[in-house]
């Protein structure tokens, strides 16, 4: 056991006769480690991008709510009448009336014959 640990510390497994097998395995492990590191970096970038987009959505939503409340205030009848009074246009004192248009009945051929 002591000799095995000593050989590992001295890295004798890298210079033995069957060292090519060990070098291939070490190279495979290094390539896997590089792929894992690159994958974790891409994952972190995506998480930061998602967080930024979430914050932007929250800001845009709050801006939308502000604009909508401003629009509702501007569309109120009191606001519109106030702005029109500044221009000299006042609201009507007479309430509007509904106009009903009656269609003239078209007489059929037989009714025209009998009249």
PDB file of N, CA and C in Angstrom:
ATOM      1  N   UNK A   1       0.823  -1.185   0.000  1.00  0.00           N
ATOM      2  CA  UNK A   1       0.000   0.000   0.000  1.00  0.00           C
ATOM      3  C   UNK A   1       0.867   1.248   0.000  1.00  0.00           C
ATOM      4  N   UNK A   2       1.910   1.228   0.847  1.00  0.00           N
ATOM      5  CA  UNK A   2       2.794   2.387   0.927  1.00  0.00           C
ATOM      6  C   UNK A   2       3.496   2.626  -0.400  1.00  0.00           C
ATOM      7  N   UNK A   3       3.888   1.574  -1.056  1.00  0.00           N
ATOM      8  CA  UNK A   3       4.552   1.692  -2.348  1.00  0.00           C
ATOM      9  C   UNK A   3       3.591   2.201  -3.417  1.00  0.00           C
ATOM     10  N   UNK A   4       2.293   1.822  -3.344  1.00  0.00           N
ATOM     11  CA  UNK A   4       1.299   2.266  -4.315  1.00  0.00           C
ATOM     12  C   UNK A   4       1.059   3.759  -4.221  1.00  0.00           C
ATOM     13  N   UNK A   5       0.945   4.275  -3.001  1.00  0.00           N
ATOM     14  CA  UNK A   5       0.724   5.707  -2.804  1.00  0.00           C
ATOM     15  C   UNK A   5       1.970   6.474  -3.228  1.00  0.00           C
ATOM     16  N   UNK A   6       3.138   5.920  -2.912  1.00  0.00           N
ATOM     17  CA  UNK A   6       4.399   6.557  -3.283  1.00  0.00           C
ATOM     18  C   UNK A   6       4.528   6.625  -4.802  1.00  0.00           C
ATOM     19  N   UNK A   7       4.131   5.557  -5.487  1.00  0.00           N
ATOM     20  CA  UNK A   7       4.187   5.545  -6.953  1.00  0.00           C
ATOM     21  C   UNK A   7       3.207   6.552  -7.560  1.00  0.00           C
ATOM     22  N   UNK A   8       2.043   6.696  -6.942  1.00  0.00           N
ATOM     23  CA  UNK A   8       1.063   7.674  -7.439  1.00  0.00           C
ATOM     24  C   UNK A   8       1.601   9.082  -7.255  1.00  0.00           C
ATOM     25  N   UNK A   9       2.219   9.355  -6.099  1.00  0.00           N
ATOM     26  CA  UNK A   9       2.777  10.681  -5.837  1.00  0.00           C
ATOM     27  C   UNK A   9       3.945  10.987  -6.781  1.00  0.00           C
ATOM     28  N   UNK A  10       4.687  10.010  -7.128  1.00  0.00           N
ATOM     29  CA  UNK A  10       5.814  10.185  -8.045  1.00  0.00           C
ATOM     30  C   UNK A  10       5.353  10.196  -9.501  1.00  0.00           C
ATOM     31  N   UNK A  11       4.067   9.862  -9.756  1.00  0.00           N
ATOM     32  CA  UNK A  11       3.460   9.831 -11.085  1.00  0.00           C
ATOM     33  C   UNK A  11       4.138   8.798 -11.977  1.00  0.00           C
ATOM     34  N   UNK A  12       4.459   7.666 -11.415  1.00  0.00           N
ATOM     35  CA  UNK A  12       5.076   6.591 -12.200  1.00  0.00           C
ATOM     36  C   UNK A  12       4.090   5.958 -13.179  1.00  0.00           C
ATOM     37  N   UNK A  13       2.810   6.098 -12.893  1.00  0.00           N
ATOM     38  CA  UNK A  13       1.805   5.510 -13.795  1.00  0.00           C
ATOM     39  C   UNK A  13       1.761   6.243 -15.134  1.00  0.00           C
ATOM     40  N   UNK A  14       2.410   7.418 -15.204  1.00  0.00           N
ATOM     41  CA  UNK A  14       2.418   8.172 -16.451  1.00  0.00           C
ATOM     42  C   UNK A  14       3.624   7.836 -17.331  1.00  0.00           C
ATOM     43  N   UNK A  15       4.613   7.130 -16.757  1.00  0.00           N
ATOM     44  CA  UNK A  15       5.817   6.826 -17.537  1.00  0.00           C
ATOM     45  C   UNK A  15       6.050   5.322 -17.673  1.00  0.00           C
ATOM     46  N   UNK A  16       5.121   4.513 -17.263  1.00  0.00           N
ATOM     47  CA  UNK A  16       5.245   3.049 -17.397  1.00  0.00           C
ATOM     48  C   UNK A  16       5.097   2.631 -18.851  1.00  0.00           C
ATOM     49  N   UNK A  17       5.178   1.306 -19.083  1.00  0.00           N
ATOM     50  CA  UNK A  17       5.031   0.773 -20.430  1.00  0.00           C
ATOM     51  C   UNK A  17       3.603   0.975 -20.943  1.00  0.00           C
ATOM     52  N   UNK A  18       2.596   0.827 -20.085  1.00  0.00           N
ATOM     53  CA  UNK A  18       1.199   0.979 -20.499  1.00  0.00           C
ATOM     54  C   UNK A  18       0.661   2.377 -20.158  1.00  0.00           C
ATOM     55  N   UNK A  19       1.525   3.374 -20.266  1.00  0.00           N
ATOM     56  CA  UNK A  19       1.153   4.746 -19.920  1.00  0.00           C
ATOM     57  C   UNK A  19       0.200   5.361 -20.947  1.00  0.00           C
ATOM     58  N   UNK A  20       0.215   4.887 -22.197  1.00  0.00           N
ATOM     59  CA  UNK A  20      -0.679   5.467 -23.203  1.00  0.00           C
ATOM     60  C   UNK A  20      -2.144   5.287 -22.811  1.00  0.00           C
ATOM     61  N   UNK A  21      -2.457   4.143 -22.208  1.00  0.00           N
ATOM     62  CA  UNK A  21      -3.825   3.910 -21.751  1.00  0.00           C
ATOM     63  C   UNK A  21      -4.188   4.920 -20.665  1.00  0.00           C
ATOM     64  N   UNK A  22      -3.274   5.191 -19.775  1.00  0.00           N
ATOM     65  CA  UNK A  22      -3.520   6.162 -18.701  1.00  0.00           C
ATOM     66  C   UNK A  22      -3.636   7.587 -19.262  1.00  0.00           C
ATOM     67  N   UNK A  23      -2.767   7.907 -20.232  1.00  0.00           N
ATOM     68  CA  UNK A  23      -2.813   9.253 -20.817  1.00  0.00           C
ATOM     69  C   UNK A  23      -4.142   9.492 -21.535  1.00  0.00           C
ATOM     70  N   UNK A  24      -4.632   8.454 -22.257  1.00  0.00           N
ATOM     71  CA  UNK A  24      -5.934   8.598 -22.918  1.00  0.00           C
ATOM     72  C   UNK A  24      -7.049   8.852 -21.919  1.00  0.00           C
ATOM     73  N   UNK A  25      -7.039   8.118 -20.813  1.00  0.00           N
ATOM     74  CA  UNK A  25      -8.073   8.304 -19.794  1.00  0.00           C
ATOM     75  C   UNK A  25      -7.982   9.701 -19.168  1.00  0.00           C
ATOM     76  N   UNK A  26      -6.773  10.164 -18.899  1.00  0.00           N
ATOM     77  CA  UNK A  26      -6.589  11.505 -18.324  1.00  0.00           C
ATOM     78  C   UNK A  26      -7.060  12.565 -19.306  1.00  0.00           C
ATOM     79  N   UNK A  27      -6.731  12.397 -20.580  1.00  0.00           N
ATOM     80  CA  UNK A  27      -7.183  13.337 -21.610  1.00  0.00           C
ATOM     81  C   UNK A  27      -8.715  13.342 -21.699  1.00  0.00           C
ATOM     82  N   UNK A  28      -9.337  12.181 -21.634  1.00  0.00           N
ATOM     83  CA  UNK A  28     -10.794  12.075 -21.653  1.00  0.00           C
ATOM     84  C   UNK A  28     -11.407  12.814 -20.460  1.00  0.00           C
ATOM     85  N   UNK A  29     -10.849  12.645 -19.285  1.00  0.00           N
ATOM     86  CA  UNK A  29     -11.340  13.327 -18.076  1.00  0.00           C
ATOM     87  C   UNK A  29     -11.191  14.848 -18.221  1.00  0.00           C
ATOM     88  N   UNK A  30     -10.066  15.303 -18.769  1.00  0.00           N
ATOM     89  CA  UNK A  30      -9.835  16.744 -18.954  1.00  0.00           C
ATOM     90  C   UNK A  30     -10.859  17.323 -19.939  1.00  0.00           C
ATOM     91  N   UNK A  31     -11.119  16.612 -21.031  1.00  0.00           N
ATOM     92  CA  UNK A  31     -12.101  17.083 -22.015  1.00  0.00           C
ATOM     93  C   UNK A  31     -13.490  17.151 -21.378  1.00  0.00           C
ATOM     94  N   UNK A  32     -13.853  16.148 -20.600  1.00  0.00           N
ATOM     95  CA  UNK A  32     -15.140  16.177 -19.909  1.00  0.00           C
ATOM     96  C   UNK A  32     -15.228  17.348 -18.940  1.00  0.00           C
ATOM     97  N   UNK A  33     -14.150  17.625 -18.224  1.00  0.00           N
ATOM     98  CA  UNK A  33     -14.144  18.748 -17.282  1.00  0.00           C
ATOM     99  C   UNK A  33     -14.321  20.074 -18.023  1.00  0.00           C
ATOM    100  N   UNK A  34     -13.653  20.217 -19.164  1.00  0.00           N
ATOM    101  CA  UNK A  34     -13.787  21.458 -19.947  1.00  0.00           C
ATOM    102  C   UNK A  34     -15.224  21.616 -20.444  1.00  0.00           C
ATOM    103  N   UNK A  35     -15.823  20.535 -20.921  1.00  0.00           N
ATOM    104  CA  UNK A  35     -17.209  20.598 -21.390  1.00  0.00           C
ATOM    105  C   UNK A  35     -18.150  20.974 -20.247  1.00  0.00           C
ATOM    106  N   UNK A  36     -17.934  20.393 -19.071  1.00  0.00           N
ATOM    107  CA  UNK A  36     -18.791  20.718 -17.923  1.00  0.00           C
ATOM    108  C   UNK A  36     -18.651  22.182 -17.515  1.00  0.00           C
ATOM    109  N   UNK A  37     -17.433  22.696 -17.521  1.00  0.00           N
ATOM    110  CA  UNK A  37     -17.210  24.101 -17.150  1.00  0.00           C
ATOM    111  C   UNK A  37     -17.883  25.028 -18.165  1.00  0.00           C
ATOM    112  N   UNK A  38     -17.736  24.721 -19.455  1.00  0.00           N
ATOM    113  CA  UNK A  38     -18.362  25.553 -20.487  1.00  0.00           C
ATOM    114  C   UNK A  38     -19.882  25.509 -20.369  1.00  0.00           C
ATOM    115  N   UNK A  39     -20.419  24.336 -20.093  1.00  0.00           N
ATOM    116  CA  UNK A  39     -21.865  24.191 -19.946  1.00  0.00           C
ATOM    117  C   UNK A  39     -22.382  24.984 -18.741  1.00  0.00           C
ATOM    118  N   UNK A  40     -21.669  24.950 -17.647  1.00  0.00           N
ATOM    119  CA  UNK A  40     -22.109  25.704 -16.462  1.00  0.00           C
ATOM    120  C   UNK A  40     -22.028  27.209 -16.710  1.00  0.00           C
ATOM    121  N   UNK A  41     -21.034  27.665 -17.481  1.00  0.00           N
ATOM    122  CA  UNK A  41     -20.945  29.095 -17.816  1.00  0.00           C
ATOM    123  C   UNK A  41     -22.130  29.522 -18.690  1.00  0.00           C
ATOM    124  N   UNK A  42     -22.482  28.704 -19.664  1.00  0.00           N
ATOM    125  CA  UNK A  42     -23.644  29.025 -20.510  1.00  0.00           C
ATOM    126  C   UNK A  42     -24.920  29.049 -19.693  1.00  0.00           C
ATOM    127  N   UNK A  43     -25.047  28.121 -18.769  1.00  0.00           N
ATOM    128  CA  UNK A  43     -26.219  28.069 -17.903  1.00  0.00           C
ATOM    129  C   UNK A  43     -26.316  29.334 -17.047  1.00  0.00           C
ATOM    130  N   UNK A  44     -25.186  29.763 -16.487  1.00  0.00           N
ATOM    131  CA  UNK A  44     -25.176  30.993 -15.683  1.00  0.00           C
ATOM    132  C   UNK A  44     -25.546  32.211 -16.518  1.00  0.00           C
ATOM    133  N   UNK A  45     -25.038  32.276 -17.750  1.00  0.00           N
ATOM    134  CA  UNK A  45     -25.382  33.398 -18.633  1.00  0.00           C
ATOM    135  C   UNK A  45     -26.880  33.439 -18.898  1.00  0.00           C
ATOM    136  N   UNK A  46     -27.482  32.278 -19.122  1.00  0.00           N
ATOM    137  CA  UNK A  46     -28.917  32.232 -19.377  1.00  0.00           C
ATOM    138  C   UNK A  46     -29.702  32.660 -18.148  1.00  0.00           C
ATOM    139  N   UNK A  47     -29.250  32.278 -16.969  1.00  0.00           N
ATOM    140  CA  UNK A  47     -29.948  32.683 -15.746  1.00  0.00           C
ATOM    141  C   UNK A  47     -29.875  34.195 -15.571  1.00  0.00           C
ATOM    142  N   UNK A  48     -28.717  34.795 -15.824  1.00  0.00           N
ATOM    143  CA  UNK A  48     -28.597  36.253 -15.720  1.00  0.00           C
ATOM    144  C   UNK A  48     -29.486  36.948 -16.753  1.00  0.00           C
ATOM    145  N   UNK A  49     -29.546  36.395 -17.956  1.00  0.00           N
ATOM    146  CA  UNK A  49     -30.390  36.995 -18.995  1.00  0.00           C
ATOM    147  C   UNK A  49     -31.861  36.898 -18.607  1.00  0.00           C
ATOM    148  N   UNK A  50     -32.278  35.761 -18.055  1.00  0.00           N
ATOM    149  CA  UNK A  50     -33.665  35.601 -17.614  1.00  0.00           C
ATOM    150  C   UNK A  50     -33.982  36.590 -16.508  1.00  0.00           C
ATOM    151  N   UNK A  51     -33.069  36.783 -15.575  1.00  0.00           N
ATOM    152  CA  UNK A  51     -33.294  37.740 -14.490  1.00  0.00           C
ATOM    153  C   UNK A  51     -33.418  39.164 -15.037  1.00  0.00           C
ATOM    154  N   UNK A  52     -32.557  39.519 -15.996  1.00  0.00           N
ATOM    155  CA  UNK A  52     -32.638  40.854 -16.602  1.00  0.00           C
ATOM    156  C   UNK A  52     -33.966  41.049 -17.337  1.00  0.00           C
ATOM    157  N   UNK A  53     -34.382  40.046 -18.082  1.00  0.00           N
ATOM    158  CA  UNK A  53     -35.645  40.145 -18.813  1.00  0.00           C
ATOM    159  C   UNK A  53     -36.836  40.218 -17.859  1.00  0.00           C
ATOM    160  N   UNK A  54     -36.771  39.504 -16.752  1.00  0.00           N
ATOM    161  CA  UNK A  54     -37.849  39.560 -15.764  1.00  0.00           C
ATOM    162  C   UNK A  54     -37.951  40.955 -15.165  1.00  0.00           C
ATOM    163  N   UNK A  55     -36.818  41.544 -14.857  1.00  0.00           N
ATOM    164  CA  UNK A  55     -36.837  42.912 -14.334  1.00  0.00           C
ATOM    165  C   UNK A  55     -37.384  43.896 -15.368  1.00  0.00           C
ATOM    166  N   UNK A  56     -37.002  43.710 -16.624  1.00  0.00           N
ATOM    167  CA  UNK A  56     -37.492  44.595 -17.675  1.00  0.00           C
ATOM    168  C   UNK A  56     -39.008  44.455 -17.842  1.00  0.00           C
ATOM    169  N   UNK A  57     -39.515  43.230 -17.745  1.00  0.00           N
ATOM    170  CA  UNK A  57     -40.956  43.007 -17.854  1.00  0.00           C
ATOM    171  C   UNK A  57     -41.682  43.700 -16.706  1.00  0.00           C
ATOM    172  N   UNK A  58     -41.133  43.617 -15.506  1.00  0.00           N
ATOM    173  CA  UNK A  58     -41.756  44.282 -14.358  1.00  0.00           C
ATOM    174  C   UNK A  58     -41.783  45.795 -14.551  1.00  0.00           C
ATOM    175  N   UNK A  59     -40.683  46.364 -15.051  1.00  0.00           N
ATOM    176  CA  UNK A  59     -40.635  47.803 -15.293  1.00  0.00           C
ATOM    177  C   UNK A  59     -41.650  48.209 -16.364  1.00  0.00           C
ATOM    178  N   UNK A  60     -41.716  47.440 -17.444  1.00  0.00           N
ATOM    179  CA  UNK A  60     -42.656  47.765 -18.518  1.00  0.00           C
ATOM    180  C   UNK A  60     -44.102  47.621 -18.049  1.00  0.00           C
ATOM    181  N   UNK A  61     -44.368  46.636 -17.212  1.00  0.00           N
ATOM    182  CA  UNK A  61     -45.727  46.455 -16.698  1.00  0.00           C
ATOM    183  C   UNK A  61     -46.133  47.625 -15.811  1.00  0.00           C
ATOM    184  N   UNK A  62     -45.211  48.089 -14.961  1.00  0.00           N
ATOM    185  CA  UNK A  62     -45.542  49.230 -14.102  1.00  0.00           C
ATOM    186  C   UNK A  62     -45.726  50.493 -14.941  1.00  0.00           C
ATOM    187  N   UNK A  63     -44.910  50.649 -15.979  1.00  0.00           N
ATOM    188  CA  UNK A  63     -45.077  51.803 -16.871  1.00  0.00           C
ATOM    189  C   UNK A  63     -46.429  51.731 -17.589  1.00  0.00           C
ATOM    190  N   UNK A  64     -46.824  50.535 -17.996  1.00  0.00           N
ATOM    191  CA  UNK A  64     -48.120  50.353 -18.648  1.00  0.00           C
ATOM    192  C   UNK A  64     -49.262  50.744 -17.716  1.00  0.00           C
ATOM    193  N   UNK A  65     -49.176  50.329 -16.466  1.00  0.00           N
ATOM    194  CA  UNK A  65     -50.232  50.660 -15.503  1.00  0.00           C
ATOM    195  C   UNK A  65     -50.291  52.172 -15.297  1.00  0.00           C
ATOM    196  N   UNK A  66     -49.138  52.825 -15.214  1.00  0.00           N
ATOM    197  CA  UNK A  66     -49.113  54.286 -15.060  1.00  0.00           C
ATOM    198  C   UNK A  66     -49.755  54.975 -16.262  1.00  0.00           C
ATOM    199  N   UNK A  67     -49.392  54.534 -17.463  1.00  0.00           N
ATOM    200  CA  UNK A  67     -49.946  55.148 -18.670  1.00  0.00           C
ATOM    201  C   UNK A  67     -51.457  54.906 -18.767  1.00  0.00           C
ATOM    202  N   UNK A  68     -51.889  53.732 -18.390  1.00  0.00           N
ATOM    203  CA  UNK A  68     -53.313  53.425 -18.451  1.00  0.00           C
ATOM    204  C   UNK A  68     -54.101  54.285 -17.465  1.00  0.00           C
ATOM    205  N   UNK A  69     -53.555  54.501 -16.272  1.00  0.00           N
ATOM    206  CA  UNK A  69     -54.257  55.358 -15.305  1.00  0.00           C
ATOM    207  C   UNK A  69     -54.290  56.809 -15.796  1.00  0.00           C
ATOM    208  N   UNK A  70     -53.204  57.266 -16.429  1.00  0.00           N
ATOM    209  CA  UNK A  70     -53.206  58.613 -17.020  1.00  0.00           C
ATOM    210  C   UNK A  70     -54.270  58.728 -18.101  1.00  0.00           C
ATOM    211  N   UNK A  71     -54.367  57.710 -18.945  1.00  0.00           N
ATOM    212  CA  UNK A  71     -55.356  57.719 -20.016  1.00  0.00           C
ATOM    213  C   UNK A  71     -56.769  57.735 -19.458  1.00  0.00           C
ATOM    214  N   UNK A  72     -57.023  56.946 -18.425  1.00  0.00           N
ATOM    215  CA  UNK A  72     -58.353  56.932 -17.819  1.00  0.00           C
ATOM    216  C   UNK A  72     -58.711  58.305 -17.250  1.00  0.00           C
ATOM    217  N   UNK A  73     -57.724  58.955 -16.665  1.00  0.00           N
ATOM    218  CA  UNK A  73     -57.963  60.286 -16.112  1.00  0.00           C
ATOM    219  C   UNK A  73     -58.263  61.283 -17.231  1.00  0.00           C
ATOM    220  N   UNK A  74     -57.523  61.185 -18.344  1.00  0.00           N
ATOM    221  CA  UNK A  74     -57.739  62.098 -19.461  1.00  0.00           C
ATOM    222  C   UNK A  74     -59.074  61.844 -20.161  1.00  0.00           C
ATOM    223  N   UNK A  75     -59.591  60.630 -20.121  1.00  0.00           N
ATOM    224  CA  UNK A  75     -60.833  60.300 -20.795  1.00  0.00           C
ATOM    225  C   UNK A  75     -62.073  60.630 -19.962  1.00  0.00           C
ATOM    226  N   UNK A  76     -61.884  60.980 -18.711  1.00  0.00           N
ATOM    227  CA  UNK A  76     -63.040  61.295 -17.855  1.00  0.00           C
ATOM    228  C   UNK A  76     -63.776  62.517 -18.405  1.00  0.00           C
ATOM    229  N   UNK A  77     -65.090  62.512 -18.257  1.00  0.00           N
ATOM    230  CA  UNK A  77     -65.901  63.591 -18.801  1.00  0.00           C
ATOM    231  C   UNK A  77     -65.544  64.929 -18.172  1.00  0.00           C
ATOM    232  N   UNK A  78     -65.232  64.927 -16.874  1.00  0.00           N
ATOM    233  CA  UNK A  78     -64.898  66.190 -16.214  1.00  0.00           C
ATOM    234  C   UNK A  78     -63.607  66.785 -16.774  1.00  0.00           C
ATOM    235  N   UNK A  79     -62.622  65.946 -17.069  1.00  0.00           N
ATOM    236  CA  UNK A  79     -61.363  66.440 -17.629  1.00  0.00           C
ATOM    237  C   UNK A  79     -61.575  66.976 -19.041  1.00  0.00           C
ATOM    238  N   UNK A  80     -62.357  66.257 -19.837  1.00  0.00           N
ATOM    239  CA  UNK A  80     -62.603  66.690 -21.210  1.00  0.00           C
ATOM    240  C   UNK A  80     -63.380  68.001 -21.210  1.00  0.00           C
ATOM    241  N   UNK A  81     -64.437  68.102 -20.362  1.00  0.00           N
ATOM    242  CA  UNK A  81     -65.227  69.343 -20.340  1.00  0.00           C
ATOM    243  C   UNK A  81     -64.389  70.515 -19.837  1.00  0.00           C
ATOM    244  N   UNK A  82     -63.491  70.268 -18.899  1.00  0.00           N
ATOM    245  CA  UNK A  82     -62.610  71.331 -18.394  1.00  0.00           C
ATOM    246  C   UNK A  82     -61.689  71.845 -19.498  1.00  0.00           C
ATOM    247  N   UNK A  83     -61.132  70.936 -20.291  1.00  0.00           N
ATOM    248  CA  UNK A  83     -60.244  71.347 -21.385  1.00  0.00           C
ATOM    249  C   UNK A  83     -61.024  72.063 -22.482  1.00  0.00           C
ATOM    250  N   UNK A  84     -62.265  71.651 -22.729  1.00  0.00           N
ATOM    251  CA  UNK A  84     -63.084  72.312 -23.743  1.00  0.00           C
ATOM    252  C   UNK A  84     -63.531  73.694 -23.281  1.00  0.00           C
ATOM    253  N   UNK A  85     -63.770  73.869 -21.992  1.00  0.00           N
ATOM    254  CA  UNK A  85     -64.137  75.179 -21.465  1.00  0.00           C
ATOM    255  C   UNK A  85     -63.008  76.179 -21.660  1.00  0.00           C
ATOM    256  N   UNK A  86     -61.778  75.731 -21.597  1.00  0.00           N
ATOM    257  CA  UNK A  86     -60.638  76.618 -21.834  1.00  0.00           C
ATOM    258  C   UNK A  86     -60.634  77.116 -23.275  1.00  0.00           C
ATOM    259  N   UNK A  87     -61.182  76.326 -24.190  1.00  0.00           N
ATOM    260  CA  UNK A  87     -61.246  76.718 -25.601  1.00  0.00           C
ATOM    261  C   UNK A  87     -62.547  77.440 -25.943  1.00  0.00           C
ATOM    262  N   UNK A  88     -63.427  77.538 -24.966  1.00  0.00           N
ATOM    263  CA  UNK A  88     -64.680  78.252 -25.199  1.00  0.00           C
ATOM    264  C   UNK A  88     -65.817  77.352 -25.644  1.00  0.00           C
ATOM    265  N   UNK A  89     -65.685  76.052 -25.493  1.00  0.00           N
ATOM    266  CA  UNK A  89     -66.745  75.106 -25.847  1.00  0.00           C
ATOM    267  C   UNK A  89     -67.327  74.583 -24.542  1.00  0.00           C
ATOM    268  N   UNK A  90     -68.649  74.765 -24.372  1.00  0.00           N
ATOM    269  CA  UNK A  90     -69.293  74.374 -23.121  1.00  0.00           C
ATOM    270  C   UNK A  90     -70.210  73.180 -23.374  1.00  0.00           C
ATOM    271  N   UNK A  91     -70.466  72.375 -22.341  1.00  0.00           N
ATOM    272  CA  UNK A  91     -71.368  71.229 -22.514  1.00  0.00           C
ATOM    273  C   UNK A  91     -72.802  71.699 -22.777  1.00  0.00           C
ATOM    274  N   UNK A  92     -73.554  70.904 -23.476  1.00  0.00           N
ATOM    275  CA  UNK A  92     -74.933  71.235 -23.843  1.00  0.00           C
ATOM    276  C   UNK A  92     -75.830  71.168 -22.615  1.00  0.00           C
ATOM    277  N   UNK A  93     -76.786  72.088 -22.544  1.00  0.00           N
ATOM    278  CA  UNK A  93     -77.749  72.100 -21.444  1.00  0.00           C
ATOM    279  C   UNK A  93     -78.958  71.222 -21.770  1.00  0.00           C
ATOM    280  N   UNK A  94     -79.182  70.966 -23.054  1.00  0.00           N
ATOM    281  CA  UNK A  94     -80.316  70.148 -23.501  1.00  0.00           C
ATOM    282  C   UNK A  94     -79.832  68.715 -23.663  1.00  0.00           C
ATOM    283  N   UNK A  95     -80.508  67.776 -23.052  1.00  0.00           N
ATOM    284  CA  UNK A  95     -80.069  66.382 -23.205  1.00  0.00           C
ATOM    285  C   UNK A  95     -80.287  65.887 -24.632  1.00  0.00           C
ATOM    286  N   UNK A  96     -79.505  64.971 -25.077  1.00  0.00           N
ATOM    287  CA  UNK A  96     -79.656  64.466 -26.446  1.00  0.00           C
ATOM    288  C   UNK A  96     -80.939  63.652 -26.593  1.00  0.00           C
ATOM    289  N   UNK A  97     -81.457  63.624 -27.803  1.00  0.00           N
ATOM    290  CA  UNK A  97     -82.658  62.848 -28.088  1.00  0.00           C
ATOM    291  C   UNK A  97     -82.319  61.779 -29.115  1.00  0.00           C
ATOM    292  N   UNK A  98     -82.994  60.674 -28.977  1.00  0.00           N
ATOM    293  CA  UNK A  98     -82.759  59.568 -29.895  1.00  0.00           C
ATOM    294  C   UNK A  98     -83.620  59.774 -31.130  1.00  0.00           C
ATOM    295  N   UNK A  99     -83.039  59.642 -32.280  1.00  0.00           N
ATOM    296  CA  UNK A  99     -83.746  59.796 -33.545  1.00  0.00           C
ATOM    297  C   UNK A  99     -84.037  58.409 -34.096  1.00  0.00           C
ATOM    298  N   UNK A 100     -85.323  58.156 -34.354  1.00  0.00           N
ATOM    299  CA  UNK A 100     -85.699  56.856 -34.907  1.00  0.00           C
ATOM    300  C   UNK A 100     -86.094  57.049 -36.363  1.00  0.00           C
ATOM    301  N   UNK A 101     -85.523  56.265 -37.219  1.00  0.00           N
ATOM    302  CA  UNK A 101     -85.824  56.320 -38.648  1.00  0.00           C
ATOM    303  C   UNK A 101     -86.676  55.111 -38.981  1.00  0.00           C
ATOM    304  N   UNK A 102     -87.850  55.381 -39.512  1.00  0.00           N
ATOM    305  CA  UNK A 102     -88.747  54.289 -39.885  1.00  0.00           C
ATOM    306  C   UNK A 102     -88.542  53.975 -41.358  1.00  0.00           C
ATOM    307  N   UNK A 103     -88.427  52.719 -41.633  1.00  0.00           N
ATOM    308  CA  UNK A 103     -88.274  52.281 -43.011  1.00  0.00           C
ATOM    309  C   UNK A 103     -89.632  52.291 -43.677  1.00  0.00           C
ATOM    310  N   UNK A 104     -89.663  52.790 -44.875  1.00  0.00           N
ATOM    311  CA  UNK A 104     -90.911  52.751 -45.638  1.00  0.00           C
ATOM    312  C   UNK A 104     -91.150  51.319 -46.072  1.00  0.00           C
ATOM    313  N   UNK A 105     -92.366  50.861 -45.781  1.00  0.00           N
ATOM    314  CA  UNK A 105     -92.678  49.484 -46.138  1.00  0.00           C
ATOM    315  C   UNK A 105     -92.803  49.368 -47.641  1.00  0.00           C
ATOM    316  N   UNK A 106     -92.182  48.404 -48.154  1.00  0.00           N
ATOM    317  CA  UNK A 106     -92.255  48.175 -49.579  1.00  0.00           C
ATOM    318  C   UNK A 106     -93.470  47.301 -49.855  1.00  0.00           C
ATOM    319  N   UNK A 107     -94.327  47.772 -50.694  1.00  0.00           N
ATOM    320  CA  UNK A 107     -95.548  47.030 -50.976  1.00  0.00           C
ATOM    321  C   UNK A 107     -95.243  45.921 -51.959  1.00  0.00           C
ATOM    322  N   UNK A 108     -95.873  44.826 -51.712  1.00  0.00           N
ATOM    323  CA  UNK A 108     -95.678  43.699 -52.624  1.00  0.00           C
ATOM    324  C   UNK A 108     -96.479  43.926 -53.901  1.00  0.00           C
ATOM    325  N   UNK A 109     -96.258  43.105 -54.849  1.00  0.00           N
ATOM    326  CA  UNK A 109     -96.904  43.225 -56.141  1.00  0.00           C
ATOM    327  C   UNK A 109     -98.424  43.128 -56.027  1.00  0.00           C
ATOM    328  N   UNK A 110     -98.910  42.226 -55.152  1.00  0.00           N
ATOM    329  CA  UNK A 110    -100.361  42.035 -55.013  1.00  0.00           C
ATOM    330  C   UNK A 110    -101.011  43.215 -54.316  1.00  0.00           C
ATOM    331  N   UNK A 111    -100.316  43.814 -53.347  1.00  0.00           N
ATOM    332  CA  UNK A 111    -100.877  44.985 -52.655  1.00  0.00           C
ATOM    333  C   UNK A 111    -100.956  46.170 -53.595  1.00  0.00           C
ATOM    334  N   UNK A 112     -99.977  46.301 -54.462  1.00  0.00           N
ATOM    335  CA  UNK A 112     -99.989  47.407 -55.437  1.00  0.00           C
ATOM    336  C   UNK A 112    -101.150  47.207 -56.430  1.00  0.00           C
ATOM    337  N   UNK A 113    -101.438  45.998 -56.773  1.00  0.00           N
ATOM    338  CA  UNK A 113    -102.510  45.694 -57.697  1.00  0.00           C
ATOM    339  C   UNK A 113    -103.888  46.097 -57.131  1.00  0.00           C
ATOM    340  N   UNK A 114    -104.092  45.865 -55.865  1.00  0.00           N
ATOM    341  CA  UNK A 114    -105.405  46.121 -55.238  1.00  0.00           C
ATOM    342  C   UNK A 114    -105.589  47.577 -54.864  1.00  0.00           C
ATOM    343  N   UNK A 115    -104.587  48.377 -54.909  1.00  0.00           N
ATOM    344  CA  UNK A 115    -104.782  49.786 -54.596  1.00  0.00           C
ATOM    345  C   UNK A 115    -104.898  50.609 -55.792  1.00  0.00           C
TER     346      UNK A 115
END
